[in-house]
Structure formats: structure tokens, C-alpha cells
């Protein structure tokens, strides 16, 4: 087995595509002040980006046009698909309790309390 190298970067110096556009080259500065270049397959960049926590304020905000929900083949989970008016769609595998939590927040989680209706 070969030795594994761990790089603790302190700074990202550049990000560029390889000449053949098949790889992303990240040039980093490590803790010792040395420049190190990492080469990643271009296809894995979405995986890297989706692993990063993001605030809704930092990324694009898309309008929701339609949604659908259907059971997954395992009989336990659900597939939630959200679609924009432009036709972009993304699907999520979710547990029923997760979707119930979202519905609860949508119903009761408003910043300002909606007054109860009363009959006088």
C-alpha cells in the first residue's frame, strides 16, 4: 500500500481547467508555504460543491413552479422533485419524517405569528 498524502491548505491560489478540459487544477498554498497543485476529474466538481454548506443568501434563488412526490422502490422513502418555471428540476430521496418536518415548518414556522381566527 502506498503512503497517503494529506495537504492542509491555507489558501487557494488558482483554479483552472487542464488544456484538454477533462480535469480541474487547483493550486493551493500549504501550511509550510509551498505551492501544491491538485488535479481532479472535471466531473467530480459538482460533488465537491454540493458538499459545501451554503446560505441561501450566497447562491442563486430559483422560483418554484411545480413539485411532485412519489414512493421509491424500497417502499420506505419518497422522491421529491422540484421544478422551476425554466424547466430545471432536481430530485431528492427523503424520509417521510423529513417531509413532515418541512410541512410543519411551512405551516407553523413563520417569523410572525398568524393570529388565530375567532368568531365574535
PDB file of N, CA and C in Angstrom:
ATOM      1  N   UNK A   1       0.844  -1.176   0.000  1.00  0.00           N
ATOM      2  CA  UNK A   1       0.000   0.000   0.000  1.00  0.00           C
ATOM      3  C   UNK A   1       0.890   1.241   0.000  1.00  0.00           C
ATOM      4  N   UNK A   2       0.538   2.218  -0.799  1.00  0.00           N
ATOM      5  CA  UNK A   2       1.336   3.439  -0.876  1.00  0.00           C
ATOM      6  C   UNK A   2       0.965   4.382   0.250  1.00  0.00           C
ATOM      7  N   UNK A   3       1.899   5.269   0.586  1.00  0.00           N
ATOM      8  CA  UNK A   3       1.626   6.278   1.607  1.00  0.00           C
ATOM      9  C   UNK A   3       0.642   7.299   1.055  1.00  0.00           C
ATOM     10  N   UNK A   4      -0.271   7.716   1.908  1.00  0.00           N
ATOM     11  CA  UNK A   4      -1.241   8.742   1.536  1.00  0.00           C
ATOM     12  C   UNK A   4      -0.692  10.104   1.939  1.00  0.00           C
ATOM     13  N   UNK A   5      -0.993  11.109   1.146  1.00  0.00           N
ATOM     14  CA  UNK A   5      -0.547  12.460   1.444  1.00  0.00           C
ATOM     15  C   UNK A   5      -1.761  13.283   1.837  1.00  0.00           C
ATOM     16  N   UNK A   6      -1.637  13.994   2.945  1.00  0.00           N
ATOM     17  CA  UNK A   6      -2.682  14.908   3.367  1.00  0.00           C
ATOM     18  C   UNK A   6      -2.122  16.322   3.242  1.00  0.00           C
ATOM     19  N   UNK A   7      -2.872  17.163   2.557  1.00  0.00           N
ATOM     20  CA  UNK A   7      -2.459  18.550   2.372  1.00  0.00           C
ATOM     21  C   UNK A   7      -3.440  19.429   3.129  1.00  0.00           C
ATOM     22  N   UNK A   8      -2.936  20.191   4.070  1.00  0.00           N
ATOM     23  CA  UNK A   8      -3.748  21.186   4.756  1.00  0.00           C
ATOM     24  C   UNK A   8      -3.459  22.525   4.111  1.00  0.00           C
ATOM     25  N   UNK A   9      -4.371  22.977   3.269  1.00  0.00           N
ATOM     26  CA  UNK A   9      -4.169  24.224   2.535  1.00  0.00           C
ATOM     27  C   UNK A   9      -4.555  25.415   3.402  1.00  0.00           C
ATOM     28  N   UNK A  10      -3.829  26.493   3.229  1.00  0.00           N
ATOM     29  CA  UNK A  10      -4.152  27.747   3.914  1.00  0.00           C
ATOM     30  C   UNK A  10      -4.732  28.769   2.953  1.00  0.00           C
ATOM     31  N   UNK A  11      -4.578  28.490   1.634  1.00  0.00           N
ATOM     32  CA  UNK A  11      -5.038  29.461   0.644  1.00  0.00           C
ATOM     33  C   UNK A  11      -5.220  28.772  -0.705  1.00  0.00           C
ATOM     34  N   UNK A  12      -6.256  29.151  -1.419  1.00  0.00           N
ATOM     35  CA  UNK A  12      -6.456  28.716  -2.801  1.00  0.00           C
ATOM     36  C   UNK A  12      -5.875  29.802  -3.698  1.00  0.00           C
ATOM     37  N   UNK A  13      -4.866  29.454  -4.461  1.00  0.00           N
ATOM     38  CA  UNK A  13      -4.188  30.439  -5.319  1.00  0.00           C
ATOM     39  C   UNK A  13      -4.831  30.549  -6.692  1.00  0.00           C
ATOM     40  N   UNK A  14      -5.252  29.413  -7.251  1.00  0.00           N
ATOM     41  CA  UNK A  14      -5.898  29.461  -8.567  1.00  0.00           C
ATOM     42  C   UNK A  14      -6.694  28.193  -8.795  1.00  0.00           C
ATOM     43  N   UNK A  15      -7.656  28.308  -9.689  1.00  0.00           N
ATOM     44  CA  UNK A  15      -8.450  27.167 -10.153  1.00  0.00           C
ATOM     45  C   UNK A  15      -8.599  27.339 -11.653  1.00  0.00           C
ATOM     46  N   UNK A  16      -8.209  26.316 -12.410  1.00  0.00           N
ATOM     47  CA  UNK A  16      -8.283  26.406 -13.865  1.00  0.00           C
ATOM     48  C   UNK A  16      -8.525  25.020 -14.455  1.00  0.00           C
ATOM     49  N   UNK A  17      -8.937  24.999 -15.696  1.00  0.00           N
ATOM     50  CA  UNK A  17      -9.147  23.749 -16.414  1.00  0.00           C
ATOM     51  C   UNK A  17      -7.836  23.320 -17.056  1.00  0.00           C
ATOM     52  N   UNK A  18      -7.652  22.013 -17.195  1.00  0.00           N
ATOM     53  CA  UNK A  18      -6.495  21.496 -17.922  1.00  0.00           C
ATOM     54  C   UNK A  18      -6.661  21.813 -19.407  1.00  0.00           C
ATOM     55  N   UNK A  19      -5.589  21.695 -20.148  1.00  0.00           N
ATOM     56  CA  UNK A  19      -5.624  22.014 -21.586  1.00  0.00           C
ATOM     57  C   UNK A  19      -6.664  21.175 -22.325  1.00  0.00           C
ATOM     58  N   UNK A  20      -6.834  19.909 -21.907  1.00  0.00           N
ATOM     59  CA  UNK A  20      -7.819  19.050 -22.572  1.00  0.00           C
ATOM     60  C   UNK A  20      -9.221  19.198 -21.989  1.00  0.00           C
ATOM     61  N   UNK A  21      -9.366  20.053 -20.969  1.00  0.00           N
ATOM     62  CA  UNK A  21     -10.642  20.374 -20.307  1.00  0.00           C
ATOM     63  C   UNK A  21     -11.287  19.165 -19.635  1.00  0.00           C
ATOM     64  N   UNK A  22     -10.499  18.169 -19.310  1.00  0.00           N
ATOM     65  CA  UNK A  22     -11.002  16.982 -18.628  1.00  0.00           C
ATOM     66  C   UNK A  22     -10.751  17.024 -17.132  1.00  0.00           C
ATOM     67  N   UNK A  23      -9.881  17.940 -16.677  1.00  0.00           N
ATOM     68  CA  UNK A  23      -9.504  17.998 -15.268  1.00  0.00           C
ATOM     69  C   UNK A  23      -9.533  19.440 -14.777  1.00  0.00           C
ATOM     70  N   UNK A  24      -9.775  19.600 -13.481  1.00  0.00           N
ATOM     71  CA  UNK A  24      -9.694  20.898 -12.824  1.00  0.00           C
ATOM     72  C   UNK A  24      -8.410  20.911 -12.016  1.00  0.00           C
ATOM     73  N   UNK A  25      -7.615  21.960 -12.187  1.00  0.00           N
ATOM     74  CA  UNK A  25      -6.345  22.081 -11.488  1.00  0.00           C
ATOM     75  C   UNK A  25      -6.479  23.145 -10.411  1.00  0.00           C
ATOM     76  N   UNK A  26      -6.290  22.752  -9.163  1.00  0.00           N
ATOM     77  CA  UNK A  26      -6.360  23.671  -8.033  1.00  0.00           C
ATOM     78  C   UNK A  26      -4.952  23.876  -7.500  1.00  0.00           C
ATOM     79  N   UNK A  27      -4.494  25.112  -7.498  1.00  0.00           N
ATOM     80  CA  UNK A  27      -3.187  25.414  -6.927  1.00  0.00           C
ATOM     81  C   UNK A  27      -3.419  26.003  -5.540  1.00  0.00           C
ATOM     82  N   UNK A  28      -2.821  25.365  -4.548  1.00  0.00           N
ATOM     83  CA  UNK A  28      -3.020  25.712  -3.141  1.00  0.00           C
ATOM     84  C   UNK A  28      -1.701  26.098  -2.497  1.00  0.00           C
ATOM     85  N   UNK A  29      -1.775  26.836  -1.415  1.00  0.00           N
ATOM     86  CA  UNK A  29      -0.601  27.074  -0.580  1.00  0.00           C
ATOM     87  C   UNK A  29      -0.806  26.248   0.681  1.00  0.00           C
ATOM     88  N   UNK A  30       0.175  25.405   1.005  1.00  0.00           N
ATOM     89  CA  UNK A  30       0.043  24.551   2.192  1.00  0.00           C
ATOM     90  C   UNK A  30       0.558  25.274   3.432  1.00  0.00           C
ATOM     91  N   UNK A  31       0.473  24.593   4.584  1.00  0.00           N
ATOM     92  CA  UNK A  31       0.862  25.191   5.860  1.00  0.00           C
ATOM     93  C   UNK A  31       2.339  25.585   5.898  1.00  0.00           C
ATOM     94  N   UNK A  32       3.162  24.928   5.090  1.00  0.00           N
ATOM     95  CA  UNK A  32       4.595  25.235   5.049  1.00  0.00           C
ATOM     96  C   UNK A  32       4.906  26.376   4.075  1.00  0.00           C
ATOM     97  N   UNK A  33       3.859  26.911   3.399  1.00  0.00           N
ATOM     98  CA  UNK A  33       4.069  27.999   2.453  1.00  0.00           C
ATOM     99  C   UNK A  33       4.404  27.536   1.052  1.00  0.00           C
ATOM    100  N   UNK A  34       4.376  26.233   0.807  1.00  0.00           N
ATOM    101  CA  UNK A  34       4.680  25.675  -0.507  1.00  0.00           C
ATOM    102  C   UNK A  34       3.426  25.659  -1.382  1.00  0.00           C
ATOM    103  N   UNK A  35       3.618  25.881  -2.670  1.00  0.00           N
ATOM    104  CA  UNK A  35       2.516  25.768  -3.618  1.00  0.00           C
ATOM    105  C   UNK A  35       2.365  24.305  -4.028  1.00  0.00           C
ATOM    106  N   UNK A  36       1.132  23.828  -4.038  1.00  0.00           N
ATOM    107  CA  UNK A  36       0.814  22.452  -4.394  1.00  0.00           C
ATOM    108  C   UNK A  36      -0.349  22.491  -5.382  1.00  0.00           C
ATOM    109  N   UNK A  37      -0.265  21.694  -6.441  1.00  0.00           N
ATOM    110  CA  UNK A  37      -1.362  21.626  -7.406  1.00  0.00           C
ATOM    111  C   UNK A  37      -2.037  20.267  -7.294  1.00  0.00           C
ATOM    112  N   UNK A  38      -3.356  20.296  -7.208  1.00  0.00           N
ATOM    113  CA  UNK A  38      -4.175  19.078  -7.165  1.00  0.00           C
ATOM    114  C   UNK A  38      -4.956  19.021  -8.472  1.00  0.00           C
ATOM    115  N   UNK A  39      -4.990  17.854  -9.084  1.00  0.00           N
ATOM    116  CA  UNK A  39      -5.710  17.647 -10.332  1.00  0.00           C
ATOM    117  C   UNK A  39      -6.891  16.726 -10.051  1.00  0.00           C
ATOM    118  N   UNK A  40      -8.102  17.209 -10.352  1.00  0.00           N
ATOM    119  CA  UNK A  40      -9.330  16.440 -10.130  1.00  0.00           C
ATOM    120  C   UNK A  40     -10.065  16.244 -11.444  1.00  0.00           C
ATOM    121  N   UNK A  41     -10.735  15.102 -11.619  1.00  0.00           N
ATOM    122  CA  UNK A  41     -11.574  14.947 -12.810  1.00  0.00           C
ATOM    123  C   UNK A  41     -12.672  16.017 -12.799  1.00  0.00           C
ATOM    124  N   UNK A  42     -12.902  16.643 -13.942  1.00  0.00           N
ATOM    125  CA  UNK A  42     -13.887  17.727 -14.021  1.00  0.00           C
ATOM    126  C   UNK A  42     -15.271  17.267 -13.563  1.00  0.00           C
ATOM    127  N   UNK A  43     -15.605  16.014 -13.796  1.00  0.00           N
ATOM    128  CA  UNK A  43     -16.918  15.507 -13.437  1.00  0.00           C
ATOM    129  C   UNK A  43     -17.194  15.451 -11.943  1.00  0.00           C
ATOM    130  N   UNK A  44     -16.173  15.570 -11.121  1.00  0.00           N
ATOM    131  CA  UNK A  44     -16.401  15.471  -9.670  1.00  0.00           C
ATOM    132  C   UNK A  44     -16.617  16.827  -9.014  1.00  0.00           C
ATOM    133  N   UNK A  45     -16.535  17.913  -9.759  1.00  0.00           N
ATOM    134  CA  UNK A  45     -16.660  19.248  -9.163  1.00  0.00           C
ATOM    135  C   UNK A  45     -18.037  19.463  -8.556  1.00  0.00           C
ATOM    136  N   UNK A  46     -19.107  18.982  -9.188  1.00  0.00           N
ATOM    137  CA  UNK A  46     -20.441  19.132  -8.590  1.00  0.00           C
ATOM    138  C   UNK A  46     -20.513  18.433  -7.242  1.00  0.00           C
ATOM    139  N   UNK A  47     -19.860  17.296  -7.104  1.00  0.00           N
ATOM    140  CA  UNK A  47     -19.839  16.588  -5.827  1.00  0.00           C
ATOM    141  C   UNK A  47     -19.148  17.430  -4.769  1.00  0.00           C
ATOM    142  N   UNK A  48     -18.050  18.065  -5.136  1.00  0.00           N
ATOM    143  CA  UNK A  48     -17.334  18.936  -4.200  1.00  0.00           C
ATOM    144  C   UNK A  48     -18.220  20.116  -3.804  1.00  0.00           C
ATOM    145  N   UNK A  49     -18.863  20.737  -4.771  1.00  0.00           N
ATOM    146  CA  UNK A  49     -19.683  21.916  -4.487  1.00  0.00           C
ATOM    147  C   UNK A  49     -20.902  21.590  -3.639  1.00  0.00           C
ATOM    148  N   UNK A  50     -21.535  20.453  -3.872  1.00  0.00           N
ATOM    149  CA  UNK A  50     -22.719  20.118  -3.089  1.00  0.00           C
ATOM    150  C   UNK A  50     -22.365  19.695  -1.676  1.00  0.00           C
ATOM    151  N   UNK A  51     -21.099  19.378  -1.424  1.00  0.00           N
ATOM    152  CA  UNK A  51     -20.683  19.019  -0.067  1.00  0.00           C
ATOM    153  C   UNK A  51     -20.497  20.256   0.810  1.00  0.00           C
ATOM    154  N   UNK A  52     -20.397  21.427   0.196  1.00  0.00           N
ATOM    155  CA  UNK A  52     -20.158  22.650   0.946  1.00  0.00           C
ATOM    156  C   UNK A  52     -21.461  23.215   1.494  1.00  0.00           C
ATOM    157  N   UNK A  53     -21.460  23.603   2.771  1.00  0.00           N
ATOM    158  CA  UNK A  53     -22.668  24.255   3.299  1.00  0.00           C
ATOM    159  C   UNK A  53     -22.804  25.638   2.665  1.00  0.00           C
ATOM    160  N   UNK A  54     -24.021  25.997   2.319  1.00  0.00           N
ATOM    161  CA  UNK A  54     -24.258  27.309   1.717  1.00  0.00           C
ATOM    162  C   UNK A  54     -25.463  27.952   2.347  1.00  0.00           C
ATOM    163  N   UNK A  55     -25.367  29.222   2.502  1.00  0.00           N
ATOM    164  CA  UNK A  55     -26.508  30.010   2.933  1.00  0.00           C
ATOM    165  C   UNK A  55     -27.323  30.337   1.688  1.00  0.00           C
ATOM    166  N   UNK A  56     -28.651  30.358   1.796  1.00  0.00           N
ATOM    167  CA  UNK A  56     -29.453  30.723   0.622  1.00  0.00           C
ATOM    168  C   UNK A  56     -29.115  32.119   0.104  1.00  0.00           C
ATOM    169  N   UNK A  57     -28.525  32.959   0.955  1.00  0.00           N
ATOM    170  CA  UNK A  57     -28.179  34.311   0.545  1.00  0.00           C
ATOM    171  C   UNK A  57     -26.973  34.339  -0.388  1.00  0.00           C
ATOM    172  N   UNK A  58     -26.168  33.267  -0.423  1.00  0.00           N
ATOM    173  CA  UNK A  58     -24.941  33.291  -1.207  1.00  0.00           C
ATOM    174  C   UNK A  58     -25.083  32.670  -2.586  1.00  0.00           C
ATOM    175  N   UNK A  59     -26.164  31.996  -2.851  1.00  0.00           N
ATOM    176  CA  UNK A  59     -26.315  31.340  -4.142  1.00  0.00           C
ATOM    177  C   UNK A  59     -27.534  31.850  -4.875  1.00  0.00           C
ATOM    178  N   UNK A  60     -27.740  31.346  -6.075  1.00  0.00           N
ATOM    179  CA  UNK A  60     -28.918  31.779  -6.826  1.00  0.00           C
ATOM    180  C   UNK A  60     -30.191  31.297  -6.149  1.00  0.00           C
ATOM    181  N   UNK A  61     -31.206  32.107  -6.240  1.00  0.00           N
ATOM    182  CA  UNK A  61     -32.505  31.764  -5.681  1.00  0.00           C
ATOM    183  C   UNK A  61     -33.439  31.508  -6.850  1.00  0.00           C
ATOM    184  N   UNK A  62     -34.029  30.326  -6.889  1.00  0.00           N
ATOM    185  CA  UNK A  62     -34.888  29.934  -8.003  1.00  0.00           C
ATOM    186  C   UNK A  62     -36.336  29.887  -7.546  1.00  0.00           C
ATOM    187  N   UNK A  63     -37.226  30.334  -8.402  1.00  0.00           N
ATOM    188  CA  UNK A  63     -38.659  30.239  -8.129  1.00  0.00           C
ATOM    189  C   UNK A  63     -39.105  28.786  -8.296  1.00  0.00           C
ATOM    190  N   UNK A  64     -40.006  28.360  -7.447  1.00  0.00           N
ATOM    191  CA  UNK A  64     -40.576  27.016  -7.549  1.00  0.00           C
ATOM    192  C   UNK A  64     -41.841  27.095  -8.394  1.00  0.00           C
ATOM    193  N   UNK A  65     -41.903  26.273  -9.412  1.00  0.00           N
ATOM    194  CA  UNK A  65     -43.081  26.244 -10.281  1.00  0.00           C
ATOM    195  C   UNK A  65     -43.982  25.072  -9.897  1.00  0.00           C
ATOM    196  N   UNK A  66     -43.438  23.864  -9.962  1.00  0.00           N
ATOM    197  CA  UNK A  66     -44.225  22.683  -9.610  1.00  0.00           C
ATOM    198  C   UNK A  66     -43.373  21.730  -8.791  1.00  0.00           C
ATOM    199  N   UNK A  67     -44.023  20.806  -8.156  1.00  0.00           N
ATOM    200  CA  UNK A  67     -43.327  19.759  -7.422  1.00  0.00           C
ATOM    201  C   UNK A  67     -44.127  18.472  -7.538  1.00  0.00           C
ATOM    202  N   UNK A  68     -43.447  17.365  -7.350  1.00  0.00           N
ATOM    203  CA  UNK A  68     -44.123  16.069  -7.337  1.00  0.00           C
ATOM    204  C   UNK A  68     -43.448  15.188  -6.289  1.00  0.00           C
ATOM    205  N   UNK A  69     -44.207  14.216  -5.820  1.00  0.00           N
ATOM    206  CA  UNK A  69     -43.697  13.294  -4.819  1.00  0.00           C
ATOM    207  C   UNK A  69     -44.212  11.902  -5.166  1.00  0.00           C
ATOM    208  N   UNK A  70     -43.311  10.937  -5.103  1.00  0.00           N
ATOM    209  CA  UNK A  70     -43.712   9.557  -5.383  1.00  0.00           C
ATOM    210  C   UNK A  70     -42.866   8.608  -4.552  1.00  0.00           C
ATOM    211  N   UNK A  71     -43.368   7.424  -4.304  1.00  0.00           N
ATOM    212  CA  UNK A  71     -42.601   6.465  -3.496  1.00  0.00           C
ATOM    213  C   UNK A  71     -41.387   5.931  -4.244  1.00  0.00           C
ATOM    214  N   UNK A  72     -40.340   5.637  -3.494  1.00  0.00           N
ATOM    215  CA  UNK A  72     -39.145   4.984  -4.035  1.00  0.00           C
ATOM    216  C   UNK A  72     -39.421   3.488  -4.034  1.00  0.00           C
ATOM    217  N   UNK A  73     -38.710   2.753  -4.843  1.00  0.00           N
ATOM    218  CA  UNK A  73     -38.906   1.312  -4.948  1.00  0.00           C
ATOM    219  C   UNK A  73     -38.742   0.564  -3.637  1.00  0.00           C
ATOM    220  N   UNK A  74     -38.010   1.134  -2.657  1.00  0.00           N
ATOM    221  CA  UNK A  74     -37.819   0.418  -1.396  1.00  0.00           C
ATOM    222  C   UNK A  74     -39.057   0.436  -0.515  1.00  0.00           C
ATOM    223  N   UNK A  75     -40.076   1.240  -0.880  1.00  0.00           N
ATOM    224  CA  UNK A  75     -41.320   1.275  -0.129  1.00  0.00           C
ATOM    225  C   UNK A  75     -41.275   2.118   1.139  1.00  0.00           C
ATOM    226  N   UNK A  76     -40.116   2.678   1.461  1.00  0.00           N
ATOM    227  CA  UNK A  76     -39.989   3.464   2.688  1.00  0.00           C
ATOM    228  C   UNK A  76     -39.771   4.944   2.409  1.00  0.00           C
ATOM    229  N   UNK A  77     -38.982   5.258   1.413  1.00  0.00           N
ATOM    230  CA  UNK A  77     -38.623   6.640   1.116  1.00  0.00           C
ATOM    231  C   UNK A  77     -39.520   7.216   0.035  1.00  0.00           C
ATOM    232  N   UNK A  78     -39.413   8.525  -0.139  1.00  0.00           N
ATOM    233  CA  UNK A  78     -40.153   9.235  -1.165  1.00  0.00           C
ATOM    234  C   UNK A  78     -39.177  10.019  -2.029  1.00  0.00           C
ATOM    235  N   UNK A  79     -39.542  10.219  -3.294  1.00  0.00           N
ATOM    236  CA  UNK A  79     -38.764  11.081  -4.174  1.00  0.00           C
ATOM    237  C   UNK A  79     -39.534  12.388  -4.299  1.00  0.00           C
ATOM    238  N   UNK A  80     -38.880  13.476  -3.876  1.00  0.00           N
ATOM    239  CA  UNK A  80     -39.440  14.815  -4.005  1.00  0.00           C
ATOM    240  C   UNK A  80     -38.718  15.497  -5.162  1.00  0.00           C
ATOM    241  N   UNK A  81     -39.470  15.902  -6.182  1.00  0.00           N
ATOM    242  CA  UNK A  81     -38.898  16.588  -7.340  1.00  0.00           C
ATOM    243  C   UNK A  81     -39.438  18.005  -7.375  1.00  0.00           C
ATOM    244  N   UNK A  82     -38.515  18.977  -7.435  1.00  0.00           N
ATOM    245  CA  UNK A  82     -38.858  20.393  -7.504  1.00  0.00           C
ATOM    246  C   UNK A  82     -38.483  20.906  -8.886  1.00  0.00           C
ATOM    247  N   UNK A  83     -39.382  21.715  -9.495  1.00  0.00           N
ATOM    248  CA  UNK A  83     -39.142  22.229 -10.845  1.00  0.00           C
ATOM    249  C   UNK A  83     -39.301  23.754 -10.875  1.00  0.00           C
ATOM    250  N   UNK A  84     -38.436  24.400 -11.655  1.00  0.00           N
ATOM    251  CA  UNK A  84     -38.515  25.847 -11.840  1.00  0.00           C
ATOM    252  C   UNK A  84     -39.349  26.153 -13.076  1.00  0.00           C
ATOM    253  N   UNK A  85     -39.799  27.407 -13.232  1.00  0.00           N
ATOM    254  CA  UNK A  85     -40.546  27.772 -14.456  1.00  0.00           C
ATOM    255  C   UNK A  85     -39.705  27.578 -15.720  1.00  0.00           C
ATOM    256  N   UNK A  86     -38.372  27.626 -15.602  1.00  0.00           N
ATOM    257  CA  UNK A  86     -37.494  27.452 -16.758  1.00  0.00           C
ATOM    258  C   UNK A  86     -37.296  25.991 -17.130  1.00  0.00           C
ATOM    259  N   UNK A  87     -37.829  25.068 -16.316  1.00  0.00           N
ATOM    260  CA  UNK A  87     -37.724  23.649 -16.618  1.00  0.00           C
ATOM    261  C   UNK A  87     -36.604  22.925 -15.892  1.00  0.00           C
ATOM    262  N   UNK A  88     -35.829  23.634 -15.079  1.00  0.00           N
ATOM    263  CA  UNK A  88     -34.796  22.970 -14.290  1.00  0.00           C
ATOM    264  C   UNK A  88     -35.489  22.134 -13.212  1.00  0.00           C
ATOM    265  N   UNK A  89     -34.980  20.934 -12.957  1.00  0.00           N
ATOM    266  CA  UNK A  89     -35.572  20.051 -11.957  1.00  0.00           C
ATOM    267  C   UNK A  89     -34.470  19.395 -11.137  1.00  0.00           C
ATOM    268  N   UNK A  90     -34.766  19.179  -9.875  1.00  0.00           N
ATOM    269  CA  UNK A  90     -33.858  18.433  -9.015  1.00  0.00           C
ATOM    270  C   UNK A  90     -34.714  17.534  -8.137  1.00  0.00           C
ATOM    271  N   UNK A  91     -34.234  16.306  -7.952  1.00  0.00           N
ATOM    272  CA  UNK A  91     -34.974  15.320  -7.168  1.00  0.00           C
ATOM    273  C   UNK A  91     -34.186  14.935  -5.939  1.00  0.00           C
ATOM    274  N   UNK A  92     -34.913  14.678  -4.862  1.00  0.00           N
ATOM    275  CA  UNK A  92     -34.323  14.295  -3.592  1.00  0.00           C
ATOM    276  C   UNK A  92     -34.991  13.021  -3.103  1.00  0.00           C
ATOM    277  N   UNK A  93     -34.205  12.123  -2.550  1.00  0.00           N
ATOM    278  CA  UNK A  93     -34.750  10.975  -1.837  1.00  0.00           C
ATOM    279  C   UNK A  93     -34.894  11.418  -0.390  1.00  0.00           C
ATOM    280  N   UNK A  94     -36.087  11.286   0.170  1.00  0.00           N
ATOM    281  CA  UNK A  94     -36.343  11.796   1.514  1.00  0.00           C
ATOM    282  C   UNK A  94     -37.148  10.783   2.322  1.00  0.00           C
ATOM    283  N   UNK A  95     -36.924  10.831   3.625  1.00  0.00           N
ATOM    284  CA  UNK A  95     -37.715  10.031   4.559  1.00  0.00           C
ATOM    285  C   UNK A  95     -39.034  10.758   4.800  1.00  0.00           C
ATOM    286  N   UNK A  96     -40.108  10.029   5.037  1.00  0.00           N
ATOM    287  CA  UNK A  96     -41.387  10.694   5.317  1.00  0.00           C
ATOM    288  C   UNK A  96     -41.298  11.699   6.461  1.00  0.00           C
ATOM    289  N   UNK A  97     -40.539  11.381   7.511  1.00  0.00           N
ATOM    290  CA  UNK A  97     -40.440  12.309   8.648  1.00  0.00           C
ATOM    291  C   UNK A  97     -39.762  13.608   8.253  1.00  0.00           C
ATOM    292  N   UNK A  98     -38.848  13.577   7.265  1.00  0.00           N
ATOM    293  CA  UNK A  98     -38.206  14.805   6.808  1.00  0.00           C
ATOM    294  C   UNK A  98     -39.216  15.710   6.102  1.00  0.00           C
ATOM    295  N   UNK A  99     -40.045  15.110   5.269  1.00  0.00           N
ATOM    296  CA  UNK A  99     -41.056  15.890   4.558  1.00  0.00           C
ATOM    297  C   UNK A  99     -42.126  16.387   5.517  1.00  0.00           C
ATOM    298  N   UNK A 100     -42.465  15.577   6.511  1.00  0.00           N
ATOM    299  CA  UNK A 100     -43.410  16.034   7.531  1.00  0.00           C
ATOM    300  C   UNK A 100     -42.845  17.235   8.282  1.00  0.00           C
ATOM    301  N   UNK A 101     -41.550  17.204   8.573  1.00  0.00           N
ATOM    302  CA  UNK A 101     -40.909  18.337   9.237  1.00  0.00           C
ATOM    303  C   UNK A 101     -40.967  19.592   8.381  1.00  0.00           C
ATOM    304  N   UNK A 102     -40.741  19.450   7.071  1.00  0.00           N
ATOM    305  CA  UNK A 102     -40.821  20.602   6.177  1.00  0.00           C
ATOM    306  C   UNK A 102     -42.235  21.169   6.159  1.00  0.00           C
ATOM    307  N   UNK A 103     -43.232  20.289   6.127  1.00  0.00           N
ATOM    308  CA  UNK A 103     -44.624  20.754   6.128  1.00  0.00           C
ATOM    309  C   UNK A 103     -44.959  21.457   7.439  1.00  0.00           C
ATOM    310  N   UNK A 104     -44.435  20.951   8.547  1.00  0.00           N
ATOM    311  CA  UNK A 104     -44.679  21.583   9.841  1.00  0.00           C
ATOM    312  C   UNK A 104     -44.075  22.975   9.889  1.00  0.00           C
ATOM    313  N   UNK A 105     -42.838  23.099   9.407  1.00  0.00           N
ATOM    314  CA  UNK A 105     -42.190  24.413   9.385  1.00  0.00           C
ATOM    315  C   UNK A 105     -42.952  25.368   8.467  1.00  0.00           C
ATOM    316  N   UNK A 106     -43.387  24.879   7.311  1.00  0.00           N
ATOM    317  CA  UNK A 106     -44.139  25.732   6.384  1.00  0.00           C
ATOM    318  C   UNK A 106     -45.458  26.187   7.000  1.00  0.00           C
ATOM    319  N   UNK A 107     -46.058  25.333   7.812  1.00  0.00           N
ATOM    320  CA  UNK A 107     -47.345  25.666   8.413  1.00  0.00           C
ATOM    321  C   UNK A 107     -47.205  26.529   9.662  1.00  0.00           C
ATOM    322  N   UNK A 108     -46.267  26.185  10.536  1.00  0.00           N
ATOM    323  CA  UNK A 108     -46.188  26.833  11.845  1.00  0.00           C
ATOM    324  C   UNK A 108     -44.914  27.635  12.079  1.00  0.00           C
ATOM    325  N   UNK A 109     -43.989  27.614  11.167  1.00  0.00           N
ATOM    326  CA  UNK A 109     -42.686  28.210  11.418  1.00  0.00           C
ATOM    327  C   UNK A 109     -42.513  29.634  10.932  1.00  0.00           C
ATOM    328  N   UNK A 110     -43.594  30.367  10.796  1.00  0.00           N
ATOM    329  CA  UNK A 110     -43.473  31.754  10.336  1.00  0.00           C
ATOM    330  C   UNK A 110     -42.804  32.607  11.398  1.00  0.00           C
ATOM    331  N   UNK A 111     -42.096  33.643  10.944  1.00  0.00           N
ATOM    332  CA  UNK A 111     -41.421  34.553  11.881  1.00  0.00           C
ATOM    333  C   UNK A 111     -42.435  35.323  12.717  1.00  0.00           C
ATOM    334  N   UNK A 112     -43.520  35.706  12.102  1.00  0.00           N
ATOM    335  CA  UNK A 112     -44.569  36.395  12.856  1.00  0.00           C
ATOM    336  C   UNK A 112     -45.751  35.466  12.962  1.00  0.00           C
ATOM    337  N   UNK A 113     -46.315  35.413  14.105  1.00  0.00           N
ATOM    338  CA  UNK A 113     -47.429  34.501  14.352  1.00  0.00           C
ATOM    339  C   UNK A 113     -48.675  35.011  13.647  1.00  0.00           C
ATOM    340  N   UNK A 114     -49.332  34.128  12.933  1.00  0.00           N
ATOM    341  CA  UNK A 114     -50.600  34.452  12.299  1.00  0.00           C
ATOM    342  C   UNK A 114     -51.664  34.346  13.387  1.00  0.00           C
ATOM    343  N   UNK A 115     -52.438  35.421  13.614  1.00  0.00           N
ATOM    344  CA  UNK A 115     -53.424  35.356  14.683  1.00  0.00           C
ATOM    345  C   UNK A 115     -54.469  34.275  14.415  1.00  0.00           C
ATOM    346  N   UNK A 116     -54.883  33.633  15.488  1.00  0.00           N
ATOM    347  CA  UNK A 116     -55.945  32.628  15.380  1.00  0.00           C
ATOM    348  C   UNK A 116     -57.238  33.337  14.958  1.00  0.00           C
ATOM    349  N   UNK A 117     -57.993  32.665  14.128  1.00  0.00           N
ATOM    350  CA  UNK A 117     -59.277  33.226  13.738  1.00  0.00           C
ATOM    351  C   UNK A 117     -60.243  33.062  14.911  1.00  0.00           C
ATOM    352  N   UNK A 118     -61.020  34.051  15.122  1.00  0.00           N
ATOM    353  CA  UNK A 118     -62.008  33.938  16.207  1.00  0.00           C
ATOM    354  C   UNK A 118     -63.359  34.439  15.699  1.00  0.00           C
ATOM    355  N   UNK A 119     -64.375  33.937  16.306  1.00  0.00           N
ATOM    356  CA  UNK A 119     -65.740  34.338  15.960  1.00  0.00           C
ATOM    357  C   UNK A 119     -66.270  35.152  17.118  1.00  0.00           C
ATOM    358  N   UNK A 120     -66.758  36.370  16.836  1.00  0.00           N
ATOM    359  CA  UNK A 120     -67.306  37.237  17.897  1.00  0.00           C
ATOM    360  C   UNK A 120     -68.773  37.358  17.745  1.00  0.00           C
TER     361      UNK A 120
END
